[in-house]
Amino acid sequence: MVFLFDVLILIGFFTVFWAIAQVKKNNAIVDVGWGLGFVVLAVFSLFYRGFDPVSFVAIAVTVLVALWGFRLFFYISVRNFGKPEDYRYREMRVKWGPKHQALKAYFKVFLPQALFMFAIAAPIHAAVLDAGTVSFWWSVPGILFFLVGFYFEAVGDAELRHFVKNPENKGKIMQSGLWRYTRHPNYFGEIVMWWSLFLIVLPTTWGFIAIISPITITYLLIKVSGIPLLEKKYRDNPAFQEYARKTSVLFPWLPRK
């Protein structure tokens, strides 16, 4: 029953974002809802237990997801504020044709996002279903690893945003701060956080289902929509190629000479 409740929560959440997107004529708003959707799901799932005892694992996962999700929500909101619709969604509109674009957006962008989020949220499901059988000490390493990942993602994003906002850096490649040790500190942090959530919920009754989250996130960022797209974008840039030659692609490491 809790799974059906979660699905309905996410469908309702993304339906609201779909409606806003149609008013704004900007389907890129779906990206803003990504982090916030996990927070809504985690909080509602926790309260769905009613008066049942809430385990430390459930509270820890909810707090960590809220920390990650709210930061991502505000970061993307500020980054996209006042900007035109992202080129990916503009290309979708052209491909769809002029008829029934709102419905196509709902069934091809927003609804799939809700279902995909439900699958990725497996650690949340496992945590909420926990009956308090997991030792507090088991959760500590996972929480610490999560905070390390959060640091890499939050600081990496902040460093890049500060770099891009400086007109003097136009056409240059970010190579300082965390970006000196990895070409994608934010993606490294994202991957670490999802593996950490899996580690926290692993001993729970349904912990094994959570493996779908870090595997999917890792695969997408390394092989599909994360690193490959950005690396392809700069493949003809000599400065980036020199940067890539001496800098680790993902795992932080000292730069090569």
Protein backbone atom coordinates (compact mmCIF):
# COMPACT_ATOMS: atom_id res chain seq x y z
CA MET A 1 0.00 0.00 0.00
CA VAL A 2 2.84 2.38 0.80
CA PHE A 3 4.24 1.93 -2.73
CA LEU A 4 0.92 2.89 -4.32
CA PHE A 5 0.79 5.92 -2.03
CA ASP A 6 4.29 6.94 -3.16
CA VAL A 7 3.38 6.60 -6.84
CA LEU A 8 0.28 8.76 -6.38
CA ILE A 9 2.28 11.40 -4.49
CA LEU A 10 4.81 11.65 -7.31
CA ILE A 11 2.19 11.72 -10.06
CA GLY A 12 0.40 14.54 -8.22
CA PHE A 13 3.66 16.40 -7.66
CA PHE A 14 4.75 16.29 -11.30
CA THR A 15 1.23 17.08 -12.50
CA VAL A 16 1.51 20.36 -10.60
CA PHE A 17 4.89 21.06 -12.19
CA TRP A 18 3.44 20.13 -15.61
CA ALA A 19 0.64 22.67 -15.14
CA ILE A 20 3.14 25.38 -14.19
CA ALA A 21 5.30 24.47 -17.19
CA GLN A 22 2.36 24.86 -19.58
CA VAL A 23 1.54 28.30 -18.17
CA LYS A 24 5.19 29.34 -18.46
CA LYS A 25 5.61 27.48 -21.78
CA ASN A 26 8.82 26.03 -20.41
CA ASN A 27 9.07 22.27 -19.92
CA ALA A 28 12.56 22.66 -18.44
CA ILE A 29 10.74 23.37 -15.17
CA VAL A 30 10.69 19.59 -14.74
CA ASP A 31 14.40 19.80 -13.87
CA VAL A 32 13.60 22.12 -10.97
CA GLY A 33 11.30 19.49 -9.53
CA TRP A 34 13.86 16.69 -9.50
CA GLY A 35 15.49 17.31 -6.12
CA LEU A 36 12.32 18.66 -4.50
CA GLY A 37 10.34 15.62 -5.58
CA PHE A 38 12.53 13.30 -3.51
CA VAL A 39 12.07 15.54 -0.48
CA VAL A 40 8.29 15.52 -0.84
CA LEU A 41 8.29 11.75 -1.26
CA ALA A 42 10.54 11.16 1.76
CA VAL A 43 8.54 13.44 4.08
CA PHE A 44 5.12 12.17 3.01
CA SER A 45 6.26 8.55 3.23
CA LEU A 46 7.54 9.12 6.74
CA PHE A 47 4.26 10.64 7.89
CA TYR A 48 2.32 7.89 6.13
CA ARG A 49 3.43 5.55 8.91
CA GLY A 50 1.08 7.42 11.20
CA PHE A 51 1.62 6.46 14.83
CA ASP A 52 3.93 3.54 14.03
CA PRO A 53 7.41 3.89 15.58
CA VAL A 54 9.84 5.63 13.23
CA SER A 55 13.31 4.10 13.06
CA PHE A 56 16.57 6.01 13.13
CA VAL A 57 17.27 4.82 9.59
CA ALA A 58 14.02 6.36 8.33
CA ILE A 59 14.77 9.68 10.02
CA ALA A 60 18.40 9.70 8.84
CA VAL A 61 17.50 8.99 5.21
CA THR A 62 14.73 11.60 5.25
CA VAL A 63 17.06 14.27 6.66
CA LEU A 64 19.85 13.43 4.21
CA VAL A 65 17.51 13.39 1.22
CA ALA A 66 16.05 16.72 2.33
CA LEU A 67 19.56 18.20 2.61
CA TRP A 68 20.45 17.05 -0.89
CA GLY A 69 17.07 17.76 -2.48
CA PHE A 70 16.53 21.28 -1.14
CA ARG A 71 20.04 22.34 -2.15
CA LEU A 72 19.57 20.97 -5.66
CA PHE A 73 16.14 22.58 -5.94
CA PHE A 74 17.42 26.04 -4.98
CA TYR A 75 20.57 25.68 -7.10
CA ILE A 76 18.70 24.77 -10.30
CA SER A 77 15.96 27.34 -9.58
CA VAL A 78 18.50 30.16 -9.29
CA ARG A 79 20.53 28.91 -12.25
CA ASN A 80 17.50 28.68 -14.57
CA PHE A 81 15.60 31.74 -13.34
CA GLY A 82 14.70 34.10 -16.16
CA LYS A 83 16.39 31.95 -18.81
CA PRO A 84 14.64 30.58 -21.91
CA GLU A 85 13.63 26.94 -22.17
CA ASP A 86 16.59 24.55 -22.34
CA TYR A 87 17.52 23.48 -25.88
CA ARG A 88 16.70 19.82 -25.11
CA TYR A 89 13.06 20.64 -24.47
CA ARG A 90 12.87 23.03 -27.43
CA GLU A 91 14.07 20.20 -29.67
CA MET A 92 11.37 17.96 -28.21
CA ARG A 93 8.70 20.50 -29.15
CA VAL A 94 9.95 20.56 -32.75
CA LYS A 95 9.98 16.76 -32.90
CA TRP A 96 6.44 16.50 -31.46
CA GLY A 97 4.88 18.92 -33.92
CA PRO A 98 2.34 21.64 -33.08
CA LYS A 99 -0.57 19.40 -32.04
CA HIS A 100 -1.31 18.37 -28.44
CA GLN A 101 2.04 19.57 -27.13
CA ALA A 102 0.78 19.87 -23.56
CA LEU A 103 -0.42 16.26 -23.47
CA LYS A 104 2.77 15.06 -25.11
CA ALA A 105 4.80 16.91 -22.52
CA TYR A 106 2.82 15.26 -19.73
CA PHE A 107 3.13 11.70 -21.03
CA LYS A 108 6.63 11.94 -22.48
CA VAL A 109 8.39 14.17 -19.92
CA PHE A 110 6.56 14.69 -16.63
CA LEU A 111 4.86 11.34 -16.05
CA PRO A 112 7.97 9.30 -16.96
CA GLN A 113 9.93 11.52 -14.56
CA ALA A 114 7.53 10.57 -11.76
CA LEU A 115 7.86 6.85 -12.46
CA PHE A 116 11.63 7.07 -12.83
CA MET A 117 11.86 8.94 -9.52
CA PHE A 118 9.80 6.23 -7.83
CA ALA A 119 12.39 3.64 -8.87
CA ILE A 120 15.39 5.78 -7.92
CA ALA A 121 13.79 6.47 -4.52
CA ALA A 122 14.25 2.82 -3.50
CA PRO A 123 16.40 3.77 -0.44
CA ILE A 124 13.53 5.95 0.78
CA HIS A 125 11.08 3.08 0.44
CA ALA A 126 13.41 0.71 2.29
CA ALA A 127 14.06 3.22 5.07
CA VAL A 128 10.39 4.00 5.68
CA LEU A 129 9.54 0.28 5.85
CA ASP A 130 12.28 -0.37 8.41
CA ALA A 131 10.96 -1.57 11.76
CA GLY A 132 13.94 -0.32 13.76
CA THR A 133 16.12 -3.41 13.46
CA VAL A 134 19.24 -1.63 12.17
CA SER A 135 21.95 -0.60 14.60
CA PHE A 136 22.66 3.12 14.91
CA TRP A 137 26.36 2.42 14.42
CA TRP A 138 25.75 0.78 11.06
CA SER A 139 24.29 4.06 9.77
CA VAL A 140 27.23 6.24 10.86
CA PRO A 141 29.68 5.36 8.03
CA GLY A 142 26.94 5.80 5.43
CA ILE A 143 26.03 9.21 6.85
CA LEU A 144 29.67 10.31 6.83
CA PHE A 145 30.18 9.13 3.24
CA PHE A 146 26.98 10.94 2.26
CA LEU A 147 28.31 14.20 3.72
CA VAL A 148 31.53 13.77 1.76
CA GLY A 149 29.50 13.36 -1.43
CA PHE A 150 27.34 16.34 -0.53
CA TYR A 151 30.46 18.45 -0.05
CA PHE A 152 31.80 17.55 -3.49
CA GLU A 153 28.50 18.25 -5.23
CA ALA A 154 27.62 21.47 -3.39
CA VAL A 155 31.10 22.99 -3.41
CA GLY A 156 31.75 21.86 -6.99
CA ASP A 157 28.54 23.52 -8.19
CA ALA A 158 29.27 26.69 -6.23
CA GLU A 159 32.82 26.94 -7.58
CA LEU A 160 31.65 26.46 -11.16
CA ARG A 161 28.84 28.99 -10.82
CA HIS A 162 31.25 31.59 -9.38
CA PHE A 163 33.71 30.87 -12.21
CA VAL A 164 31.10 31.19 -14.97
CA LYS A 165 29.66 34.43 -13.57
CA ASN A 166 33.05 36.14 -13.89
CA PRO A 167 33.25 37.75 -17.38
CA GLU A 168 37.04 37.39 -17.32
CA ASN A 169 36.64 33.61 -17.47
CA LYS A 170 34.64 33.54 -20.70
CA GLY A 171 36.04 30.83 -22.96
CA LYS A 172 38.25 29.44 -20.19
CA ILE A 173 38.10 26.03 -18.51
CA MET A 174 37.46 25.69 -14.78
CA GLN A 175 40.58 24.11 -13.26
CA SER A 176 40.76 25.31 -9.66
CA GLY A 177 39.30 24.16 -6.36
CA LEU A 178 37.81 20.68 -6.50
CA TRP A 179 37.96 20.87 -10.30
CA ARG A 180 41.73 20.61 -10.05
CA TYR A 181 41.39 17.02 -8.81
CA THR A 182 38.43 15.77 -10.85
CA ARG A 183 36.76 16.99 -14.03
CA HIS A 184 33.35 16.27 -12.53
CA PRO A 185 33.31 16.81 -8.74
CA ASN A 186 29.54 17.33 -8.70
CA TYR A 187 28.91 13.99 -10.44
CA PHE A 188 31.38 12.26 -8.13
CA GLY A 189 29.48 13.68 -5.17
CA GLU A 190 26.12 12.60 -6.59
CA ILE A 191 27.32 9.02 -7.06
CA VAL A 192 28.82 8.86 -3.56
CA MET A 193 25.59 10.11 -1.99
CA TRP A 194 23.40 7.46 -3.63
CA TRP A 195 25.80 4.65 -2.73
CA SER A 196 25.82 6.01 0.83
CA LEU A 197 22.02 5.87 1.06
CA PHE A 198 22.15 2.29 -0.16
CA LEU A 199 24.72 1.45 2.51
CA ILE A 200 22.54 2.97 5.24
CA VAL A 201 19.43 0.97 4.34
CA LEU A 202 21.17 -2.27 3.30
CA PRO A 203 20.48 -4.20 6.55
CA THR A 204 16.77 -3.35 6.49
CA THR A 205 14.20 -5.90 5.36
CA TRP A 206 13.82 -4.30 1.95
CA GLY A 207 17.33 -2.87 1.76
CA PHE A 208 18.33 -5.06 -1.15
CA ILE A 209 15.93 -3.23 -3.50
CA ALA A 210 17.86 0.00 -2.93
CA ILE A 211 20.75 -1.24 -5.09
CA ILE A 212 18.78 -0.07 -8.12
CA SER A 213 19.39 3.57 -7.16
CA PRO A 214 23.20 3.85 -7.07
CA ILE A 215 23.62 1.49 -10.03
CA THR A 216 21.21 3.52 -12.17
CA ILE A 217 22.62 6.89 -11.14
CA THR A 218 26.21 5.72 -11.65
CA TYR A 219 25.42 4.27 -15.08
CA LEU A 220 23.57 7.37 -16.26
CA LEU A 221 26.25 9.80 -15.11
CA ILE A 222 29.20 7.78 -16.39
CA LYS A 223 27.79 6.28 -19.58
CA VAL A 224 24.72 8.25 -20.73
CA SER A 225 23.62 11.76 -19.80
CA GLY A 226 26.31 13.06 -17.48
CA ILE A 227 29.99 12.83 -18.27
CA PRO A 228 29.69 11.72 -21.94
CA LEU A 229 27.57 14.73 -22.95
CA LEU A 230 29.86 17.27 -21.30
CA GLU A 231 33.04 15.63 -22.53
CA LYS A 232 31.61 15.54 -26.07
CA LYS A 233 30.76 19.24 -25.85
CA TYR A 234 34.42 20.12 -25.32
CA ARG A 235 36.11 17.45 -27.44
CA ASP A 236 37.33 20.07 -29.95
CA ASN A 237 38.53 22.49 -27.28
CA PRO A 238 42.36 22.31 -26.96
CA ALA A 239 42.32 23.86 -23.47
CA PHE A 240 39.87 21.24 -22.24
CA GLN A 241 41.85 18.43 -23.83
CA GLU A 242 44.97 19.56 -21.99
CA TYR A 243 42.93 19.80 -18.79
CA ALA A 244 41.55 16.30 -19.41
CA ARG A 245 45.04 14.94 -20.03
CA LYS A 246 46.20 15.79 -16.52
CA THR A 247 42.96 15.63 -14.51
CA SER A 248 41.06 12.55 -13.33
CA VAL A 249 37.72 12.15 -15.08
CA LEU A 250 35.71 11.31 -11.94
CA PHE A 251 37.50 10.01 -8.83
CA PRO A 252 39.48 12.87 -7.19
CA TRP A 253 43.21 12.49 -7.61
CA LEU A 254 46.35 14.61 -7.84
CA PRO A 255 46.78 16.14 -11.30
CA ARG A 256 49.28 14.51 -13.65
CA LYS A 257 52.21 16.56 -14.86
